[in-house]
């Protein structure tokens, strides 16, 4: 597939959007007020969404990553707080890569049918302080550590934990499937600014059998890289969906509200703000399509990936701020839907890495490339 194919809608896109619109109708006003609805999760399972990116051989529908990203975009526009991206895209990607391991294939089947909800517990670039260490303990393993800002809550049934596995020959990355209620695990749950559930997870000598490890070393690294690439594309899709809806609400507001006997939409200065916002969203949409292409091809993209994330993160924050400014003070009230979109965009902008941090990482990447080129290496 070329990037030109990515810019064209897939055969699944239109029907998925139609179904999502019916599903989301009327839910935006209440969706972010609860971090998780078991009824909504079951309904999403009935639609086949949890296994949409998983192959039929492993219990999914085999519609692919593109279909999953389309759903993520629609859910972003609907303000749902359920962990679709975390459980049904990120964790599902890891488990499918490790499906030869019985623990992975069993959990993957549960994710696809909606009976399980999983989170990926790992040290992220947002909070590099958290970590988990695994040590060999007889025929099994012992896991200890604290991992911060995990997309998990009391509703989470399972964790896929990325740990530093200490062996005699050295330390390597390893992935473990762990029940969220296993002895030795504690979750400190709280809400993000946009209402979703987050947790700091502490593992205190959690005893695991040998079958709980589903991958290690280079295999684990590759699975994590692929999953995070898909996560980047999914969060970008969520942000585009939220920006589109926030922009639509703002245009409607400007047409309905009057000042000096005419609608606010007739004032040229406000028209310029709306046009500027629209141009920014379209640029971000192009960057999101590039991330979609990279995720579909499982090709990281390096500096291009960081540029795309930085652009979308910056635009999401600015669009959120602009929509509030155009609504005035009432835009921040709980009664106004636009305030919840602002909070969602703030969260997504940060979840992508944040404009400043991404720019710093991009600068480091460019500097490293220049250094390699100056030394005549590839």
Protein backbone atom coordinates (compact mmCIF):
# COMPACT_ATOMS: atom_id res chain seq x y z
CA UNK A 1 0.00 0.00 0.00
CA UNK A 2 1.28 3.49 -0.88
CA UNK A 3 0.51 6.68 1.01
CA UNK A 4 -1.76 7.68 -1.91
CA UNK A 5 -3.95 4.67 -1.06
CA UNK A 6 -4.08 5.88 2.53
CA UNK A 7 -5.57 9.21 1.44
CA UNK A 8 -8.47 7.35 -0.18
CA UNK A 9 -11.27 5.95 2.03
CA UNK A 10 -11.19 2.17 2.45
CA UNK A 11 -14.20 0.01 1.58
CA UNK A 12 -15.01 -0.24 5.29
CA UNK A 13 -14.83 3.46 6.16
CA UNK A 14 -18.30 4.65 5.09
CA UNK A 15 -20.28 1.79 6.71
CA UNK A 16 -18.22 2.06 9.90
CA UNK A 17 -18.92 5.79 10.11
CA UNK A 18 -22.64 5.22 9.57
CA UNK A 19 -22.81 2.61 12.33
CA UNK A 20 -20.70 4.76 14.66
CA UNK A 21 -22.92 7.79 14.13
CA UNK A 22 -25.98 5.77 15.15
CA UNK A 23 -24.15 4.33 18.14
CA UNK A 24 -22.90 7.72 19.34
CA UNK A 25 -26.14 9.62 18.79
CA UNK A 26 -26.99 11.46 21.98
CA UNK A 27 -24.10 10.00 24.01
CA UNK A 28 -21.64 12.91 23.93
CA UNK A 29 -23.48 14.79 26.68
CA UNK A 30 -23.00 11.96 29.19
CA UNK A 31 -20.08 9.90 27.86
CA UNK A 32 -17.28 11.74 29.67
CA UNK A 33 -19.13 11.80 32.98
CA UNK A 34 -18.41 8.12 33.51
CA UNK A 35 -15.02 6.57 32.89
CA UNK A 36 -16.46 3.25 31.78
CA UNK A 37 -19.88 1.86 30.91
CA UNK A 38 -20.12 -1.93 30.85
CA UNK A 39 -23.27 -1.65 28.75
CA UNK A 40 -21.52 0.51 26.15
CA UNK A 41 -18.54 -1.85 26.11
CA UNK A 42 -20.83 -4.82 25.44
CA UNK A 43 -22.59 -2.91 22.69
CA UNK A 44 -19.23 -2.13 21.08
CA UNK A 45 -18.43 -5.85 21.28
CA UNK A 46 -21.73 -6.69 19.59
CA UNK A 47 -20.71 -4.39 16.74
CA UNK A 48 -17.46 -6.34 16.41
CA UNK A 49 -15.29 -3.33 17.18
CA UNK A 50 -12.98 -4.88 19.77
CA UNK A 51 -11.59 -7.37 17.28
CA UNK A 52 -11.71 -5.21 14.19
CA UNK A 53 -7.91 -4.99 13.79
CA UNK A 54 -7.36 -8.65 14.71
CA UNK A 55 -7.17 -11.32 12.02
CA UNK A 56 -9.95 -13.88 11.70
CA UNK A 57 -7.47 -16.61 12.57
CA UNK A 58 -7.18 -15.11 16.06
CA UNK A 59 -10.86 -14.39 16.66
CA UNK A 60 -11.18 -10.95 15.09
CA UNK A 61 -13.02 -9.67 12.04
CA UNK A 62 -9.85 -9.11 10.01
CA UNK A 63 -10.89 -5.64 8.83
CA UNK A 64 -7.45 -4.28 9.68
CA UNK A 65 -5.80 -1.31 11.34
CA UNK A 66 -7.48 1.20 9.01
CA UNK A 67 -10.92 0.16 10.26
CA UNK A 68 -9.79 0.41 13.88
CA UNK A 69 -8.45 3.93 13.29
CA UNK A 70 -11.75 4.95 11.68
CA UNK A 71 -13.58 3.80 14.82
CA UNK A 72 -11.08 5.65 17.03
CA UNK A 73 -11.76 8.85 15.11
CA UNK A 74 -15.51 8.48 15.51
CA UNK A 75 -15.17 7.77 19.24
CA UNK A 76 -13.01 10.88 19.58
CA UNK A 77 -15.82 12.92 18.08
CA UNK A 78 -18.27 11.25 20.47
CA UNK A 79 -16.21 11.95 23.62
CA UNK A 80 -16.32 8.36 24.85
CA UNK A 81 -13.95 7.65 27.73
CA UNK A 82 -13.90 3.86 27.33
CA UNK A 83 -10.38 2.48 26.64
CA UNK A 84 -11.00 1.35 23.06
CA UNK A 85 -7.58 2.49 21.83
CA UNK A 86 -5.78 1.03 24.84
CA UNK A 87 -7.49 -2.37 24.97
CA UNK A 88 -8.74 -3.02 21.44
CA UNK A 89 -5.83 -1.55 19.47
CA UNK A 90 -2.66 -1.35 21.61
CA UNK A 91 -3.02 -4.48 23.74
CA UNK A 92 -4.69 -6.42 20.91
CA UNK A 93 -1.71 -5.65 18.67
CA UNK A 94 0.76 -7.01 21.23
CA UNK A 95 -1.29 -10.12 21.92
CA UNK A 96 -1.75 -10.94 18.25
CA UNK A 97 2.00 -10.70 17.76
CA UNK A 98 2.48 -13.12 20.64
CA UNK A 99 -0.51 -15.34 19.83
CA UNK A 100 1.66 -18.46 19.78
CA UNK A 101 1.77 -18.15 23.58
CA UNK A 102 -1.37 -19.67 25.17
CA UNK A 103 -1.72 -16.82 27.68
CA UNK A 104 -1.74 -14.28 24.85
CA UNK A 105 -4.20 -16.13 22.62
CA UNK A 106 -6.60 -16.73 25.52
CA UNK A 107 -6.65 -13.06 26.54
CA UNK A 108 -6.91 -11.94 22.90
CA UNK A 109 -10.07 -14.02 22.48
CA UNK A 110 -11.53 -12.34 25.56
CA UNK A 111 -10.70 -8.89 24.23
CA UNK A 112 -12.35 -9.61 20.89
CA UNK A 113 -15.62 -10.81 22.43
CA UNK A 114 -15.68 -7.96 24.95
CA UNK A 115 -15.54 -10.16 28.06
CA UNK A 116 -12.10 -8.78 29.02
CA UNK A 117 -10.66 -5.27 29.22
CA UNK A 118 -6.88 -4.92 29.22
CA UNK A 119 -4.28 -2.19 29.65
CA UNK A 120 -0.64 -1.92 28.61
CA UNK A 121 1.48 -1.14 31.68
CA UNK A 122 4.81 0.26 30.56
CA UNK A 123 7.25 3.09 31.14
CA UNK A 124 6.27 5.87 28.75
CA UNK A 125 8.08 8.96 27.48
CA UNK A 126 5.55 11.02 29.45
CA UNK A 127 6.54 9.49 32.79
CA UNK A 128 9.93 7.76 32.41
CA UNK A 129 10.31 7.33 36.17
CA UNK A 130 8.00 4.29 36.39
CA UNK A 131 9.38 0.84 35.71
CA UNK A 132 8.83 -2.84 36.44
CA UNK A 133 11.58 -5.40 37.03
CA UNK A 134 11.12 -9.14 36.52
CA UNK A 135 13.40 -11.72 38.08
CA UNK A 136 13.52 -15.46 37.54
CA UNK A 137 11.99 -17.27 40.50
CA UNK A 138 12.24 -21.04 40.20
CA UNK A 139 10.17 -22.05 37.20
CA UNK A 140 8.40 -18.70 37.10
CA UNK A 141 8.98 -15.01 37.64
CA UNK A 142 8.57 -12.30 40.25
CA UNK A 143 7.45 -8.82 39.16
CA UNK A 144 8.07 -5.67 41.19
CA UNK A 145 7.85 -1.96 40.48
CA UNK A 146 5.53 0.97 39.96
CA UNK A 147 4.17 2.08 36.58
CA UNK A 148 2.50 5.48 36.34
CA UNK A 149 -0.30 6.88 34.18
CA UNK A 150 -1.66 3.57 32.94
CA UNK A 151 -4.97 3.69 31.05
CA UNK A 152 -6.63 1.37 33.54
CA UNK A 153 -9.28 1.41 36.23
CA UNK A 154 -11.41 -0.80 38.45
CA UNK A 155 -13.01 -2.19 35.27
CA UNK A 156 -9.66 -3.48 33.92
CA UNK A 157 -9.47 -7.27 34.02
CA UNK A 158 -5.93 -7.84 32.75
CA UNK A 159 -2.60 -6.11 32.26
CA UNK A 160 0.10 -6.65 29.69
CA UNK A 161 3.20 -5.59 31.60
CA UNK A 162 6.47 -4.55 29.97
CA UNK A 163 9.29 -5.38 32.38
CA UNK A 164 13.06 -5.38 32.50
CA UNK A 165 13.81 -9.10 32.78
CA UNK A 166 17.04 -9.79 34.62
CA UNK A 167 18.82 -12.92 33.52
CA UNK A 168 22.36 -14.11 34.14
CA UNK A 169 23.40 -12.99 30.66
CA UNK A 170 21.95 -9.50 31.12
CA UNK A 171 18.69 -7.55 31.13
CA UNK A 172 16.17 -7.70 28.28
CA UNK A 173 12.63 -6.47 27.72
CA UNK A 174 9.86 -8.96 28.46
CA UNK A 175 6.07 -8.95 28.17
CA UNK A 176 3.83 -10.61 30.74
CA UNK A 177 0.07 -11.22 30.89
CA UNK A 178 -1.06 -10.48 34.45
CA UNK A 179 -4.53 -10.53 36.00
CA UNK A 180 -5.30 -7.05 37.31
CA UNK A 181 -6.51 -8.52 40.60
CA UNK A 182 -3.48 -10.77 41.13
CA UNK A 183 -2.00 -10.90 44.63
CA UNK A 184 0.61 -8.17 45.06
CA UNK A 185 -0.96 -5.70 42.60
CA UNK A 186 -2.51 -2.43 43.74
CA UNK A 187 -4.08 0.30 41.59
CA UNK A 188 -4.41 3.93 42.61
CA UNK A 189 -7.15 5.12 40.29
CA UNK A 190 -7.91 8.74 39.37
CA UNK A 191 -9.48 10.72 36.54
CA UNK A 192 -7.73 12.59 33.75
CA UNK A 193 -8.82 16.11 32.83
CA UNK A 194 -11.19 14.69 30.20
CA UNK A 195 -12.79 12.13 32.50
CA UNK A 196 -11.09 8.87 31.55
CA UNK A 197 -9.72 6.47 34.16
CA UNK A 198 -5.97 6.40 34.81
CA UNK A 199 -4.05 4.42 37.43
CA UNK A 200 -0.66 4.20 39.06
CA UNK A 201 0.02 0.48 39.34
CA UNK A 202 2.30 -1.05 41.95
CA UNK A 203 3.52 -4.63 41.65
CA UNK A 204 5.02 -5.98 44.87
CA UNK A 205 6.68 -9.33 44.25
CA UNK A 206 3.86 -10.58 42.03
CA UNK A 207 4.45 -14.30 41.49
CA UNK A 208 3.88 -15.45 37.91
CA UNK A 209 4.24 -18.88 36.34
CA UNK A 210 6.44 -19.50 33.33
CA UNK A 211 3.54 -19.34 30.89
CA UNK A 212 2.74 -15.74 31.80
CA UNK A 213 5.69 -14.43 29.77
CA UNK A 214 4.54 -14.06 26.17
CA UNK A 215 7.67 -12.51 24.60
CA UNK A 216 11.16 -11.31 25.44
CA UNK A 217 14.17 -9.65 23.88
CA UNK A 218 13.98 -8.47 20.28
CA UNK A 219 10.56 -10.05 19.79
CA UNK A 220 9.11 -8.07 22.70
CA UNK A 221 10.75 -4.87 21.45
CA UNK A 222 9.24 -5.31 17.99
CA UNK A 223 5.75 -6.00 19.39
CA UNK A 224 5.89 -2.91 21.60
CA UNK A 225 7.13 -0.71 18.76
CA UNK A 226 4.31 -1.86 16.49
CA UNK A 227 1.71 -1.34 19.22
CA UNK A 228 2.94 2.17 20.06
CA UNK A 229 2.98 3.11 16.39
CA UNK A 230 -0.67 2.08 16.16
CA UNK A 231 -1.40 3.95 19.39
CA UNK A 232 0.10 7.13 17.92
CA UNK A 233 -2.10 6.81 14.84
CA UNK A 234 -5.20 6.05 16.93
CA UNK A 235 -4.71 9.01 19.29
CA UNK A 236 -4.18 11.23 16.25
CA UNK A 237 -7.44 9.92 14.77
CA UNK A 238 -9.21 10.61 18.07
CA UNK A 239 -7.87 14.16 18.04
CA UNK A 240 -9.07 14.78 14.49
CA UNK A 241 -12.53 13.48 15.40
CA UNK A 242 -12.68 15.74 18.46
CA UNK A 243 -11.41 18.78 16.53
CA UNK A 244 -13.94 18.26 13.75
CA UNK A 245 -16.81 18.13 16.22
CA UNK A 246 -15.52 21.08 18.29
CA UNK A 247 -15.20 23.15 15.12
CA UNK A 248 -18.71 22.17 14.04
CA UNK A 249 -20.18 23.16 17.43
CA UNK A 250 -18.36 26.49 17.29
CA UNK A 251 -19.64 27.34 13.81
CA UNK A 252 -23.18 26.48 14.91
CA UNK A 253 -22.81 28.71 17.97
CA UNK A 254 -21.56 31.66 15.90
CA UNK A 255 -24.51 31.30 13.53
CA UNK A 256 -27.07 31.15 16.36
CA UNK A 257 -25.74 33.87 18.70
CA UNK A 258 -26.47 37.50 17.81
CA UNK A 259 -24.78 40.77 18.71
CA UNK A 260 -25.67 44.24 17.48
CA UNK A 261 -28.62 42.74 15.63
CA UNK A 262 -26.65 40.27 13.53
CA UNK A 263 -25.20 36.76 13.97
CA UNK A 264 -21.66 36.52 15.32
CA UNK A 265 -20.77 34.53 12.20
CA UNK A 266 -21.14 37.71 10.13
CA UNK A 267 -18.19 39.47 11.85
CA UNK A 268 -15.11 39.32 9.67
CA UNK A 269 -12.65 38.98 12.54
CA UNK A 270 -14.45 35.88 13.80
CA UNK A 271 -14.64 34.49 10.26
CA UNK A 272 -10.85 34.77 10.08
CA UNK A 273 -10.50 32.85 13.34
CA UNK A 274 -12.75 30.08 12.02
CA UNK A 275 -10.86 29.93 8.71
CA UNK A 276 -7.54 29.74 10.53
CA UNK A 277 -8.88 26.94 12.73
CA UNK A 278 -10.16 25.04 9.68
CA UNK A 279 -6.79 25.31 7.93
CA UNK A 280 -5.02 24.00 11.02
CA UNK A 281 -7.36 21.02 11.29
CA UNK A 282 -6.82 20.12 7.63
CA UNK A 283 -3.04 20.23 8.10
CA UNK A 284 -3.38 18.01 11.18
CA UNK A 285 -5.62 15.64 9.20
CA UNK A 286 -2.87 15.22 6.61
CA UNK A 287 -0.38 14.40 9.37
CA UNK A 288 -2.85 11.89 10.84
CA UNK A 289 -3.13 10.19 7.45
CA UNK A 290 0.66 9.87 7.36
CA UNK A 291 0.58 8.20 10.78
CA UNK A 292 -2.21 5.95 9.55
CA UNK A 293 -0.05 4.95 6.59
CA UNK A 294 2.89 4.19 8.88
CA UNK A 295 0.71 2.13 11.23
CA UNK A 296 -0.87 0.20 8.36
CA UNK A 297 2.55 -0.68 6.96
CA UNK A 298 4.14 -1.18 10.43
CA UNK A 299 6.81 1.32 9.38
CA UNK A 300 7.95 3.68 12.14
CA UNK A 301 8.71 6.74 10.06
CA UNK A 302 11.34 8.16 12.46
CA UNK A 303 11.48 11.93 12.20
CA UNK A 304 8.29 12.06 10.11
CA UNK A 305 6.40 10.39 12.94
CA UNK A 306 7.63 12.99 15.44
CA UNK A 307 6.82 15.87 13.06
CA UNK A 308 3.30 14.55 12.56
CA UNK A 309 2.68 14.11 16.28
CA UNK A 310 4.08 17.56 17.08
CA UNK A 311 1.85 19.18 14.45
CA UNK A 312 -1.30 17.40 15.62
CA UNK A 313 -0.53 18.03 19.30
CA UNK A 314 -0.01 21.75 18.67
CA UNK A 315 -3.16 22.02 16.56
CA UNK A 316 -5.31 20.12 19.06
CA UNK A 317 -4.37 22.49 21.85
CA UNK A 318 -4.86 25.59 19.71
CA UNK A 319 -8.21 24.45 18.34
CA UNK A 320 -9.40 23.70 21.85
CA UNK A 321 -8.34 27.14 23.05
CA UNK A 322 -9.84 28.91 20.04
CA UNK A 323 -13.23 27.21 20.35
CA UNK A 324 -13.44 28.30 23.99
CA UNK A 325 -12.48 31.88 23.08
CA UNK A 326 -15.17 32.00 20.41
CA UNK A 327 -17.78 30.72 22.87
CA UNK A 328 -16.77 33.15 25.59
CA UNK A 329 -16.88 32.39 29.32
CA UNK A 330 -19.90 30.11 29.03
CA UNK A 331 -17.76 27.72 27.01
CA UNK A 332 -16.14 26.50 30.23
CA UNK A 333 -19.41 25.68 31.98
CA UNK A 334 -20.51 22.08 32.46
CA UNK A 335 -23.71 22.79 30.55
CA UNK A 336 -21.78 23.61 27.37
CA UNK A 337 -20.58 20.60 25.40
CA UNK A 338 -17.64 22.53 23.96
CA UNK A 339 -15.91 22.63 27.34
CA UNK A 340 -15.69 18.85 27.37
CA UNK A 341 -14.14 18.86 23.90
CA UNK A 342 -11.57 21.37 25.11
CA UNK A 343 -10.62 19.02 27.96
CA UNK A 344 -10.45 16.05 25.59
CA UNK A 345 -8.16 17.93 23.21
CA UNK A 346 -5.90 19.00 26.09
CA UNK A 347 -5.55 15.37 27.15
CA UNK A 348 -4.91 14.08 23.64
CA UNK A 349 -2.33 16.80 22.94
CA UNK A 350 -0.43 15.67 26.02
CA UNK A 351 -0.93 11.95 25.32
CA UNK A 352 0.78 12.41 21.95
CA UNK A 353 3.84 13.67 23.80
CA UNK A 354 3.24 17.40 23.97
CA UNK A 355 4.39 19.92 21.39
CA UNK A 356 7.52 21.05 23.27
CA UNK A 357 8.73 17.56 24.22
CA UNK A 358 8.11 16.24 20.71
CA UNK A 359 10.04 19.15 19.21
CA UNK A 360 12.93 18.31 21.53
CA UNK A 361 12.90 14.65 20.52
CA UNK A 362 12.74 15.64 16.85
CA UNK A 363 15.74 17.95 17.29
CA UNK A 364 17.70 15.09 18.86
CA UNK A 365 16.76 12.79 15.96
CA UNK A 366 17.85 15.35 13.37
CA UNK A 367 21.11 16.01 15.23
CA UNK A 368 21.84 12.27 15.37
CA UNK A 369 21.15 11.93 11.63
CA UNK A 370 23.48 14.82 10.85
CA UNK A 371 26.17 13.29 13.06
CA UNK A 372 25.88 9.92 11.31
CA UNK A 373 26.01 11.54 7.88
CA UNK A 374 29.06 13.59 8.83
CA UNK A 375 30.84 10.37 9.79
CA UNK A 376 29.82 8.73 6.53
CA UNK A 377 27.61 6.09 8.18
CA UNK A 378 24.10 5.02 7.26
